[in-house]
Amino acid sequence: MNVSFRQLRLFLALAETGSVSAAAKVMHVTQPTASMQLKDISESVGLPLYELVGKKLYMTEVGQELAQTARAVAQTWDAFEQNVDAAKGLSRGKLRVAVVSTAKYFMPHLIGSFCKQHPAIDVSLEILNRDGVVQRLRDNLDDLYIMSMPPKDMDLGDEAFMPNPIVVIAPTSDPLAKRSSVTLHELAERRFILREKGSGTRMAADQFFRSMKFRPDVRLELGSNEAIKESVAGGLGVGVVSRHALHGHQKENGVSVIDVQGFPLPSAWHIVYPAGKKFSPLALAFKQHVLKQISRRK
């Protein structure tokens, strides 16, 4: 079997973009060249690697295995290049980080301060819902992953680095916002606006509600904190969000945190990665940067 490293990169681009033309752009070659190279790879392997159904590309089982192999080779090579650059006194390379959507309130600042120290690096930041980040974690697509509820069915490296308090919010004009203490029972007749099922915030809230044998009257399930805040400010109900979604404040844009017994729910932000993962020098430096910056805030 004779497949070059550049061909492996091309096939990995195909697997990640799902398009021959997009893979060609990633590799800076023409589409006919990419098509010819992909045909050569398939012939060298001797088995179908992907198929087109309509206009959509699907990887075969062998194609998925080749993509995983190509990804491992590319990551190992990238780490080698970074080690060589470090030995030369250089600092360059690409950092890949995937974070859940609520982490967008603080991760850009941490990445920005890291980039100031390493201006020659490139950063790929994926901001997704929890399911999307977990899938990227399972596929080992990135260097590091930031979330509040790591999956329990995977062997992971896991470092909690910052609290993630979960709070209840109501319109600032709501009488509950002026109370020093509100019982959960008092919210039984209120409509709730929650994150979508599967999100870390929703998982934490559901666990607490089950432990209290409380069933919230859910009016809306929304996929973003901004939508929840706007809905609460509009008087559609009370919401449950991470305090980070309020930029750490007690009040923001027409909503206020209300002091409900049992809240804030204890939660934390985690840096996770597949157990045994070999960090590139850049990824290791970024992980240490995050831990150092957060420890300074305490």
Protein backbone atom coordinates (compact mmCIF):
# COMPACT_ATOMS: atom_id res chain seq x y z
CA MET A 1 0.00 0.00 0.00
CA ASN A 2 1.58 3.26 -1.14
CA VAL A 3 -0.11 6.41 0.20
CA SER A 4 1.86 9.61 0.72
CA PHE A 5 1.59 11.87 3.76
CA ARG A 6 0.09 14.63 1.60
CA GLN A 7 -2.52 12.19 0.32
CA LEU A 8 -3.39 11.30 3.92
CA ARG A 9 -3.85 15.01 4.64
CA LEU A 10 -6.14 15.31 1.63
CA PHE A 11 -8.22 12.32 2.69
CA LEU A 12 -8.50 13.73 6.22
CA ALA A 13 -9.70 17.03 4.75
CA LEU A 14 -12.29 15.09 2.76
CA ALA A 15 -13.51 13.29 5.88
CA GLU A 16 -13.76 16.53 7.86
CA THR A 17 -15.39 18.69 5.18
CA GLY A 18 -17.52 16.05 3.45
CA SER A 19 -16.77 17.55 0.05
CA VAL A 20 -14.10 17.00 -2.60
CA SER A 21 -14.14 20.68 -3.57
CA ALA A 22 -13.84 21.80 0.07
CA ALA A 23 -10.99 19.33 0.65
CA ALA A 24 -9.25 20.70 -2.43
CA LYS A 25 -9.49 24.24 -1.02
CA VAL A 26 -8.06 23.10 2.32
CA MET A 27 -5.09 21.52 0.55
CA HIS A 28 -4.72 24.40 -1.96
CA VAL A 29 -5.10 22.17 -5.03
CA THR A 30 -7.60 22.11 -7.87
CA GLN A 31 -10.67 19.91 -7.63
CA PRO A 32 -9.56 17.66 -10.55
CA THR A 33 -6.20 17.14 -8.81
CA ALA A 34 -7.95 16.29 -5.54
CA SER A 35 -10.30 13.86 -7.31
CA MET A 36 -7.37 12.13 -9.01
CA GLN A 37 -5.44 11.84 -5.74
CA LEU A 38 -8.46 10.45 -3.90
CA LYS A 39 -8.93 7.88 -6.66
CA ASP A 40 -5.27 6.86 -6.28
CA ILE A 41 -5.77 6.45 -2.51
CA SER A 42 -8.81 4.21 -3.04
CA GLU A 43 -6.95 2.10 -5.59
CA SER A 44 -3.97 1.78 -3.28
CA VAL A 45 -6.16 0.62 -0.38
CA GLY A 46 -8.13 -1.66 -2.67
CA LEU A 47 -11.49 -1.05 -1.04
CA PRO A 48 -14.14 1.69 -1.36
CA LEU A 49 -13.42 4.52 1.08
CA TYR A 50 -16.47 6.68 0.50
CA GLU A 51 -19.60 6.86 -1.61
CA LEU A 52 -21.83 9.61 -2.95
CA VAL A 53 -25.56 9.29 -2.35
CA GLY A 54 -27.28 12.11 -4.16
CA LYS A 55 -24.99 15.04 -3.41
CA LYS A 56 -23.90 13.84 0.04
CA LEU A 57 -20.63 12.03 0.74
CA TYR A 58 -20.57 9.12 3.19
CA MET A 59 -17.47 7.39 4.53
CA THR A 60 -17.38 3.60 4.42
CA GLU A 61 -16.19 1.71 7.50
CA VAL A 62 -12.73 1.38 5.95
CA GLY A 63 -12.81 5.08 5.06
CA GLN A 64 -13.59 5.97 8.67
CA GLU A 65 -10.66 3.85 9.85
CA LEU A 66 -8.36 5.53 7.31
CA ALA A 67 -9.54 8.98 8.45
CA GLN A 68 -8.78 8.09 12.07
CA THR A 69 -5.35 6.84 11.05
CA ALA A 70 -4.68 9.97 8.99
CA ARG A 71 -5.76 12.17 11.91
CA ALA A 72 -3.41 10.35 14.30
CA VAL A 73 -0.53 10.68 11.85
CA ALA A 74 -1.24 14.38 11.25
CA GLN A 75 -1.48 15.14 14.98
CA THR A 76 1.77 13.28 15.68
CA TRP A 77 3.52 15.15 12.89
CA ASP A 78 2.16 18.51 14.07
CA ALA A 79 3.46 17.78 17.57
CA PHE A 80 6.86 16.89 16.11
CA GLU A 81 6.99 20.15 14.17
CA GLN A 82 6.13 22.10 17.31
CA ASN A 83 8.86 20.28 19.26
CA VAL A 84 11.37 21.18 16.55
CA ASP A 85 10.20 24.80 16.56
CA ALA A 86 10.50 24.89 20.36
CA ALA A 87 14.06 23.59 20.12
CA LYS A 88 14.82 26.39 17.65
CA GLY A 89 13.29 28.95 19.99
CA LEU A 90 10.24 29.44 17.77
CA SER A 91 6.58 29.34 18.79
CA ARG A 92 4.16 28.53 16.03
CA GLY A 93 1.60 25.91 15.09
CA LYS A 94 -2.14 25.43 15.34
CA LEU A 95 -4.18 25.08 18.51
CA ARG A 96 -7.57 23.35 18.27
CA VAL A 97 -10.06 23.90 21.08
CA ALA A 98 -13.75 22.91 21.24
CA VAL A 99 -15.99 24.50 23.88
CA VAL A 100 -19.65 24.35 24.83
CA SER A 101 -21.63 27.46 24.00
CA THR A 102 -21.74 28.95 27.51
CA ALA A 103 -17.94 28.95 27.63
CA LYS A 104 -17.98 31.61 24.91
CA TYR A 105 -18.40 34.19 27.69
CA PHE A 106 -14.87 33.64 29.01
CA MET A 107 -12.82 31.44 26.62
CA PRO A 108 -12.11 34.14 23.96
CA HIS A 109 -10.43 36.25 26.66
CA LEU A 110 -8.22 33.33 27.72
CA ILE A 111 -7.36 32.49 24.12
CA GLY A 112 -6.68 36.16 23.38
CA SER A 113 -4.21 36.51 26.25
CA PHE A 114 -2.48 33.31 25.12
CA CYS A 115 -2.21 34.59 21.54
CA LYS A 116 -0.55 37.77 22.79
CA GLN A 117 2.19 35.59 24.22
CA HIS A 118 2.40 33.46 21.05
CA PRO A 119 1.50 35.80 18.16
CA ALA A 120 2.63 33.37 15.43
CA ILE A 121 0.12 30.61 16.28
CA ASP A 122 -3.18 29.86 14.59
CA VAL A 123 -6.26 28.99 16.65
CA SER A 124 -9.32 26.95 15.70
CA LEU A 125 -12.11 27.55 18.23
CA GLU A 126 -15.26 25.45 17.84
CA ILE A 127 -18.26 26.70 19.85
CA LEU A 128 -21.01 24.07 19.90
CA ASN A 129 -23.70 22.61 22.11
CA ARG A 130 -22.61 19.88 24.50
CA ASP A 131 -23.54 17.04 22.15
CA GLY A 132 -21.40 18.57 19.41
CA VAL A 133 -18.39 18.97 21.71
CA VAL A 134 -18.77 15.42 23.04
CA GLN A 135 -18.84 14.05 19.49
CA ARG A 136 -15.66 15.93 18.62
CA LEU A 137 -14.13 14.55 21.82
CA ARG A 138 -15.08 11.01 20.80
CA ASP A 139 -13.51 11.58 17.39
CA ASN A 140 -10.39 13.18 18.95
CA LEU A 141 -10.62 16.15 16.57
CA ASP A 142 -9.14 18.81 18.87
CA ASP A 143 -6.37 19.38 21.39
CA LEU A 144 -8.59 20.30 24.33
CA TYR A 145 -12.29 20.45 25.20
CA ILE A 146 -14.05 22.77 27.66
CA MET A 147 -17.39 21.73 29.19
CA SER A 148 -19.23 21.59 32.49
CA MET A 149 -20.54 18.00 32.38
CA PRO A 150 -17.93 15.62 30.91
CA PRO A 151 -19.31 12.32 29.60
CA LYS A 152 -19.05 9.49 32.10
CA ASP A 153 -18.74 6.69 29.56
CA MET A 154 -15.29 7.72 28.29
CA ASP A 155 -11.80 7.30 29.71
CA LEU A 156 -10.77 10.93 30.05
CA GLY A 157 -8.19 13.25 31.48
CA ASP A 158 -10.28 15.75 33.43
CA GLU A 159 -9.21 18.91 35.26
CA ALA A 160 -11.82 21.13 36.91
CA PHE A 161 -10.51 24.68 36.77
CA MET A 162 -13.31 27.15 37.58
CA PRO A 163 -16.74 27.23 39.29
CA ASN A 164 -19.81 27.36 37.04
CA PRO A 165 -22.70 28.38 39.30
CA ILE A 166 -26.17 27.70 37.88
CA VAL A 167 -28.76 30.35 38.82
CA VAL A 168 -32.44 31.14 38.38
CA ILE A 169 -33.33 34.40 36.64
CA ALA A 170 -36.55 36.40 36.41
CA PRO A 171 -37.53 39.77 34.92
CA THR A 172 -35.98 42.59 36.93
CA SER A 173 -39.50 43.94 37.53
CA ASP A 174 -40.68 40.61 39.02
CA PRO A 175 -41.44 40.82 42.78
CA LEU A 176 -39.29 37.70 43.28
CA ALA A 177 -36.24 39.71 42.20
CA LYS A 178 -36.63 41.88 45.30
CA ARG A 179 -36.92 38.94 47.71
CA SER A 180 -33.96 37.77 49.80
CA SER A 181 -35.14 34.16 49.72
CA VAL A 182 -37.51 32.18 47.51
CA THR A 183 -38.46 28.54 48.04
CA LEU A 184 -38.59 26.11 45.16
CA HIS A 185 -42.23 25.42 46.05
CA GLU A 186 -43.06 29.07 45.27
CA LEU A 187 -41.96 28.45 41.68
CA ALA A 188 -44.39 25.56 41.19
CA GLU A 189 -46.89 27.81 39.41
CA ARG A 190 -44.27 29.62 37.33
CA ARG A 191 -43.44 28.67 33.75
CA PHE A 192 -39.81 27.71 33.16
CA ILE A 193 -37.52 28.47 30.24
CA LEU A 194 -34.66 25.97 30.10
CA ARG A 195 -31.74 25.02 27.89
CA GLU A 196 -32.21 22.14 25.50
CA LYS A 197 -31.98 18.58 26.85
CA GLY A 198 -28.41 17.34 26.77
CA SER A 199 -26.81 20.70 27.60
CA GLY A 200 -24.67 20.84 30.74
CA THR A 201 -26.87 23.49 32.34
CA ARG A 202 -30.01 21.45 31.68
CA MET A 203 -28.42 18.27 33.04
CA ALA A 204 -27.43 20.03 36.28
CA ALA A 205 -30.91 21.56 36.65
CA ASP A 206 -32.71 18.27 35.93
CA GLN A 207 -30.58 16.43 38.49
CA PHE A 208 -31.42 19.00 41.14
CA PHE A 209 -35.13 19.03 40.33
CA ARG A 210 -35.27 15.22 40.50
CA SER A 211 -33.49 15.21 43.86
CA MET A 212 -36.08 17.69 45.17
CA LYS A 213 -38.98 15.79 43.56
CA PHE A 214 -39.89 19.01 41.78
CA ARG A 215 -41.35 19.00 38.28
CA PRO A 216 -40.93 22.40 36.56
CA ASP A 217 -43.67 23.58 34.22
CA VAL A 218 -41.51 23.99 31.10
CA ARG A 219 -42.80 26.52 28.61
CA LEU A 220 -39.75 26.70 26.35
CA GLU A 221 -36.56 24.75 25.69
CA LEU A 222 -34.02 26.92 23.92
CA GLY A 223 -30.59 26.32 22.47
CA SER A 224 -28.90 29.52 23.62
CA ASN A 225 -28.49 31.55 26.78
CA GLU A 226 -29.20 34.75 24.87
CA ALA A 227 -32.60 33.42 23.79
CA ILE A 228 -33.40 32.42 27.36
CA LYS A 229 -32.47 35.88 28.70
CA GLU A 230 -34.58 37.62 26.05
CA SER A 231 -37.55 35.32 26.77
CA VAL A 232 -37.29 35.88 30.52
CA ALA A 233 -36.96 39.64 30.06
CA GLY A 234 -40.08 39.48 27.89
CA GLY A 235 -42.07 37.96 30.75
CA LEU A 236 -42.43 34.42 29.38
CA GLY A 237 -41.20 32.77 32.56
CA VAL A 238 -38.23 32.19 34.84
CA GLY A 239 -35.01 30.78 33.45
CA VAL A 240 -32.10 28.63 34.57
CA VAL A 241 -28.68 29.63 33.23
CA SER A 242 -25.01 29.68 34.13
CA ARG A 243 -24.02 32.86 35.94
CA HIS A 244 -21.35 33.23 33.24
CA ALA A 245 -24.20 33.91 30.81
CA LEU A 246 -24.80 37.12 32.80
CA HIS A 247 -21.10 37.99 32.57
CA GLY A 248 -20.88 37.31 36.30
CA HIS A 249 -23.38 40.06 37.22
CA GLN A 250 -26.50 39.91 39.37
CA LYS A 251 -28.50 41.85 36.78
CA GLU A 252 -28.27 42.18 33.00
CA ASN A 253 -30.52 43.48 30.23
CA GLY A 254 -33.84 43.22 32.03
CA VAL A 255 -33.21 40.05 34.02
CA SER A 256 -32.01 39.48 37.59
CA VAL A 257 -30.80 36.50 39.56
CA ILE A 258 -33.36 35.46 42.16
CA ASP A 259 -32.30 33.89 45.44
CA VAL A 260 -33.94 30.45 45.20
CA GLN A 261 -33.16 27.97 47.96
CA GLY A 262 -30.75 25.34 46.67
CA PHE A 263 -29.31 27.71 44.06
CA PRO A 264 -26.74 28.46 42.79
CA LEU A 265 -26.25 24.83 41.85
CA PRO A 266 -22.64 23.72 42.34
CA SER A 267 -21.02 23.03 38.99
CA ALA A 268 -17.57 23.51 37.48
CA TRP A 269 -15.82 24.03 34.18
CA HIS A 270 -13.56 21.19 33.10
CA ILE A 271 -10.66 20.84 30.68
CA VAL A 272 -11.03 17.34 29.26
CA TYR A 273 -9.18 15.22 26.71
CA PRO A 274 -8.91 11.51 25.86
CA ALA A 275 -6.90 9.67 28.51
CA GLY A 276 -3.36 9.03 27.36
CA LYS A 277 -3.50 11.81 24.76
CA LYS A 278 -0.07 13.11 23.82
CA PHE A 279 -0.19 16.88 23.99
CA SER A 280 1.59 19.03 21.48
CA PRO A 281 3.83 21.65 23.13
CA LEU A 282 1.28 24.29 22.13
CA ALA A 283 -1.67 22.43 23.66
CA LEU A 284 0.24 21.79 26.87
CA ALA A 285 1.26 25.45 27.07
CA PHE A 286 -2.36 26.55 26.55
CA LYS A 287 -3.67 24.20 29.23
CA GLN A 288 -1.10 25.55 31.68
CA HIS A 289 -2.01 29.10 30.63
CA VAL A 290 -5.71 28.55 31.38
CA LEU A 291 -5.00 27.02 34.79
CA LYS A 292 -2.58 29.81 35.66
CA GLN A 293 -4.91 32.63 34.56
CA ILE A 294 -7.87 31.20 36.49
CA SER A 295 -5.80 30.63 39.65
CA ARG A 296 -4.85 34.33 39.57
CA ARG A 297 -8.51 35.32 39.72
CA LYS A 298 -9.18 33.33 42.89
